[in-house]
């Protein structure tokens, strides 16, 4: 049991980060505003969690202009997809062994 606990990925311990990665696993790309609306997070809270996931290499960020408006989009990286899948597998194993 302790072995399973040690294999949890700390990057996904936050509910917000778990939610962000869940959304990005089933959507190729999501904009900042779409994530904010879907997850009901404030700008600052969402930005903080996105930055942490980006620094971990789990998401990629693209900034562009659409017309004259800035648009920031996010996608899960291959490393992020692997890490998140591994985290879910450990979580499932933990639950089954309880």
C-alpha atoms as a PDB file:
ATOM      1  CA  UNK A   1       0.000   0.000   0.000  1.00  0.00           C
ATOM      2  CA  UNK A   2       2.817   2.433   0.862  1.00  0.00           C
ATOM      3  CA  UNK A   3       4.432   1.627  -2.477  1.00  0.00           C
ATOM      4  CA  UNK A   4       1.261   2.771  -4.254  1.00  0.00           C
ATOM      5  CA  UNK A   5       1.082   5.954  -2.202  1.00  0.00           C
ATOM      6  CA  UNK A   6       4.648   6.828  -3.124  1.00  0.00           C
ATOM      7  CA  UNK A   7       3.787   6.465  -6.816  1.00  0.00           C
ATOM      8  CA  UNK A   8       1.064   9.158  -6.790  1.00  0.00           C
ATOM      9  CA  UNK A   9       2.102  12.085  -8.977  1.00  0.00           C
ATOM     10  CA  UNK A  10       2.153  15.198  -6.788  1.00  0.00           C
ATOM     11  CA  UNK A  11       1.442  17.398  -9.815  1.00  0.00           C
ATOM     12  CA  UNK A  12      -2.083  15.970  -9.896  1.00  0.00           C
ATOM     13  CA  UNK A  13      -2.899  16.125  -6.174  1.00  0.00           C
ATOM     14  CA  UNK A  14      -4.710  19.429  -6.687  1.00  0.00           C
ATOM     15  CA  UNK A  15      -8.333  19.057  -7.752  1.00  0.00           C
ATOM     16  CA  UNK A  16      -7.888  21.906 -10.234  1.00  0.00           C
ATOM     17  CA  UNK A  17      -4.866  20.263 -11.903  1.00  0.00           C
ATOM     18  CA  UNK A  18      -6.625  16.912 -11.988  1.00  0.00           C
ATOM     19  CA  UNK A  19      -9.579  18.604 -13.679  1.00  0.00           C
ATOM     20  CA  UNK A  20      -7.404  20.518 -16.150  1.00  0.00           C
ATOM     21  CA  UNK A  21      -5.586  17.365 -17.224  1.00  0.00           C
ATOM     22  CA  UNK A  22      -8.849  15.418 -17.461  1.00  0.00           C
ATOM     23  CA  UNK A  23     -10.226  18.027 -19.854  1.00  0.00           C
ATOM     24  CA  UNK A  24      -7.036  18.160 -21.911  1.00  0.00           C
ATOM     25  CA  UNK A  25      -6.915  14.368 -22.192  1.00  0.00           C
ATOM     26  CA  UNK A  26     -10.234  14.328 -24.070  1.00  0.00           C
ATOM     27  CA  UNK A  27      -9.860  17.612 -25.993  1.00  0.00           C
ATOM     28  CA  UNK A  28      -6.976  18.251 -28.356  1.00  0.00           C
ATOM     29  CA  UNK A  29      -6.826  21.958 -27.511  1.00  0.00           C
ATOM     30  CA  UNK A  30      -8.654  24.226 -25.075  1.00  0.00           C
ATOM     31  CA  UNK A  31      -8.516  27.980 -24.730  1.00  0.00           C
ATOM     32  CA  UNK A  32      -7.904  29.718 -21.414  1.00  0.00           C
ATOM     33  CA  UNK A  33     -11.427  31.133 -21.414  1.00  0.00           C
ATOM     34  CA  UNK A  34     -13.018  27.768 -22.214  1.00  0.00           C
ATOM     35  CA  UNK A  35     -11.083  26.101 -19.382  1.00  0.00           C
ATOM     36  CA  UNK A  36     -12.000  28.921 -17.015  1.00  0.00           C
ATOM     37  CA  UNK A  37     -15.705  28.640 -17.836  1.00  0.00           C
ATOM     38  CA  UNK A  38     -15.788  24.849 -17.805  1.00  0.00           C
ATOM     39  CA  UNK A  39     -13.915  24.474 -14.525  1.00  0.00           C
ATOM     40  CA  UNK A  40     -15.383  27.571 -12.843  1.00  0.00           C
ATOM     41  CA  UNK A  41     -11.977  28.897 -11.772  1.00  0.00           C
ATOM     42  CA  UNK A  42     -10.813  32.479 -11.438  1.00  0.00           C
ATOM     43  CA  UNK A  43      -8.239  33.848 -13.882  1.00  0.00           C
ATOM     44  CA  UNK A  44      -5.502  33.851 -11.254  1.00  0.00           C
ATOM     45  CA  UNK A  45      -6.267  30.393  -9.890  1.00  0.00           C
ATOM     46  CA  UNK A  46      -6.390  28.839 -13.352  1.00  0.00           C
ATOM     47  CA  UNK A  47      -3.219  30.629 -14.472  1.00  0.00           C
ATOM     48  CA  UNK A  48      -1.326  29.377 -11.419  1.00  0.00           C
ATOM     49  CA  UNK A  49      -2.298  25.746 -12.012  1.00  0.00           C
ATOM     50  CA  UNK A  50      -1.638  25.966 -15.749  1.00  0.00           C
ATOM     51  CA  UNK A  51       1.812  27.408 -15.084  1.00  0.00           C
ATOM     52  CA  UNK A  52       2.645  24.556 -12.715  1.00  0.00           C
ATOM     53  CA  UNK A  53       1.571  21.967 -15.294  1.00  0.00           C
ATOM     54  CA  UNK A  54       3.546  23.774 -17.994  1.00  0.00           C
ATOM     55  CA  UNK A  55       6.676  23.882 -15.821  1.00  0.00           C
ATOM     56  CA  UNK A  56       6.302  20.130 -15.271  1.00  0.00           C
ATOM     57  CA  UNK A  57       6.233  19.646 -19.034  1.00  0.00           C
ATOM     58  CA  UNK A  58       2.717  18.219 -18.910  1.00  0.00           C
ATOM     59  CA  UNK A  59       0.999  20.859 -21.025  1.00  0.00           C
ATOM     60  CA  UNK A  60       2.041  23.043 -23.940  1.00  0.00           C
ATOM     61  CA  UNK A  61       0.938  26.643 -24.344  1.00  0.00           C
ATOM     62  CA  UNK A  62       0.361  28.516 -27.582  1.00  0.00           C
ATOM     63  CA  UNK A  63      -0.253  32.259 -27.673  1.00  0.00           C
ATOM     64  CA  UNK A  64      -1.612  33.861 -30.805  1.00  0.00           C
ATOM     65  CA  UNK A  65      -3.818  36.670 -31.997  1.00  0.00           C
ATOM     66  CA  UNK A  66      -7.222  36.043 -33.525  1.00  0.00           C
ATOM     67  CA  UNK A  67      -8.102  39.257 -35.251  1.00  0.00           C
ATOM     68  CA  UNK A  68      -6.825  41.782 -32.756  1.00  0.00           C
ATOM     69  CA  UNK A  69      -7.546  39.714 -29.662  1.00  0.00           C
ATOM     70  CA  UNK A  70      -4.988  37.538 -27.903  1.00  0.00           C
ATOM     71  CA  UNK A  71      -5.891  33.858 -27.574  1.00  0.00           C
ATOM     72  CA  UNK A  72      -4.005  31.380 -25.401  1.00  0.00           C
ATOM     73  CA  UNK A  73      -4.570  27.678 -25.933  1.00  0.00           C
ATOM     74  CA  UNK A  74      -3.365  24.609 -24.069  1.00  0.00           C
ATOM     75  CA  UNK A  75      -2.845  20.971 -24.959  1.00  0.00           C
ATOM     76  CA  UNK A  76      -1.526  17.961 -23.086  1.00  0.00           C
ATOM     77  CA  UNK A  77       1.988  16.948 -24.104  1.00  0.00           C
ATOM     78  CA  UNK A  78       2.992  13.331 -24.654  1.00  0.00           C
ATOM     79  CA  UNK A  79       4.814  13.435 -21.306  1.00  0.00           C
ATOM     80  CA  UNK A  80       1.679  14.853 -19.693  1.00  0.00           C
ATOM     81  CA  UNK A  81      -0.540  12.170 -21.196  1.00  0.00           C
ATOM     82  CA  UNK A  82       1.806   9.455 -19.973  1.00  0.00           C
ATOM     83  CA  UNK A  83       2.160  10.945 -16.486  1.00  0.00           C
ATOM     84  CA  UNK A  84      -1.587  11.426 -16.126  1.00  0.00           C
ATOM     85  CA  UNK A  85      -2.373   7.902 -17.325  1.00  0.00           C
ATOM     86  CA  UNK A  86       0.207   6.499 -14.919  1.00  0.00           C
ATOM     87  CA  UNK A  87      -1.312   8.545 -12.088  1.00  0.00           C
ATOM     88  CA  UNK A  88      -4.804   7.224 -12.869  1.00  0.00           C
ATOM     89  CA  UNK A  89      -3.501   3.651 -12.997  1.00  0.00           C
ATOM     90  CA  UNK A  90      -1.894   4.041  -9.558  1.00  0.00           C
ATOM     91  CA  UNK A  91      -5.077   5.598  -8.207  1.00  0.00           C
ATOM     92  CA  UNK A  92      -7.133   2.701  -9.554  1.00  0.00           C
ATOM     93  CA  UNK A  93      -4.723   0.147  -8.068  1.00  0.00           C
ATOM     94  CA  UNK A  94      -4.873   1.965  -4.730  1.00  0.00           C
ATOM     95  CA  UNK A  95      -8.672   1.846  -4.710  1.00  0.00           C
ATOM     96  CA  UNK A  96      -8.742  -1.845  -5.653  1.00  0.00           C
ATOM     97  CA  UNK A  97      -6.339  -2.713  -2.817  1.00  0.00           C
ATOM     98  CA  UNK A  98      -8.281  -0.962  -0.081  1.00  0.00           C
END
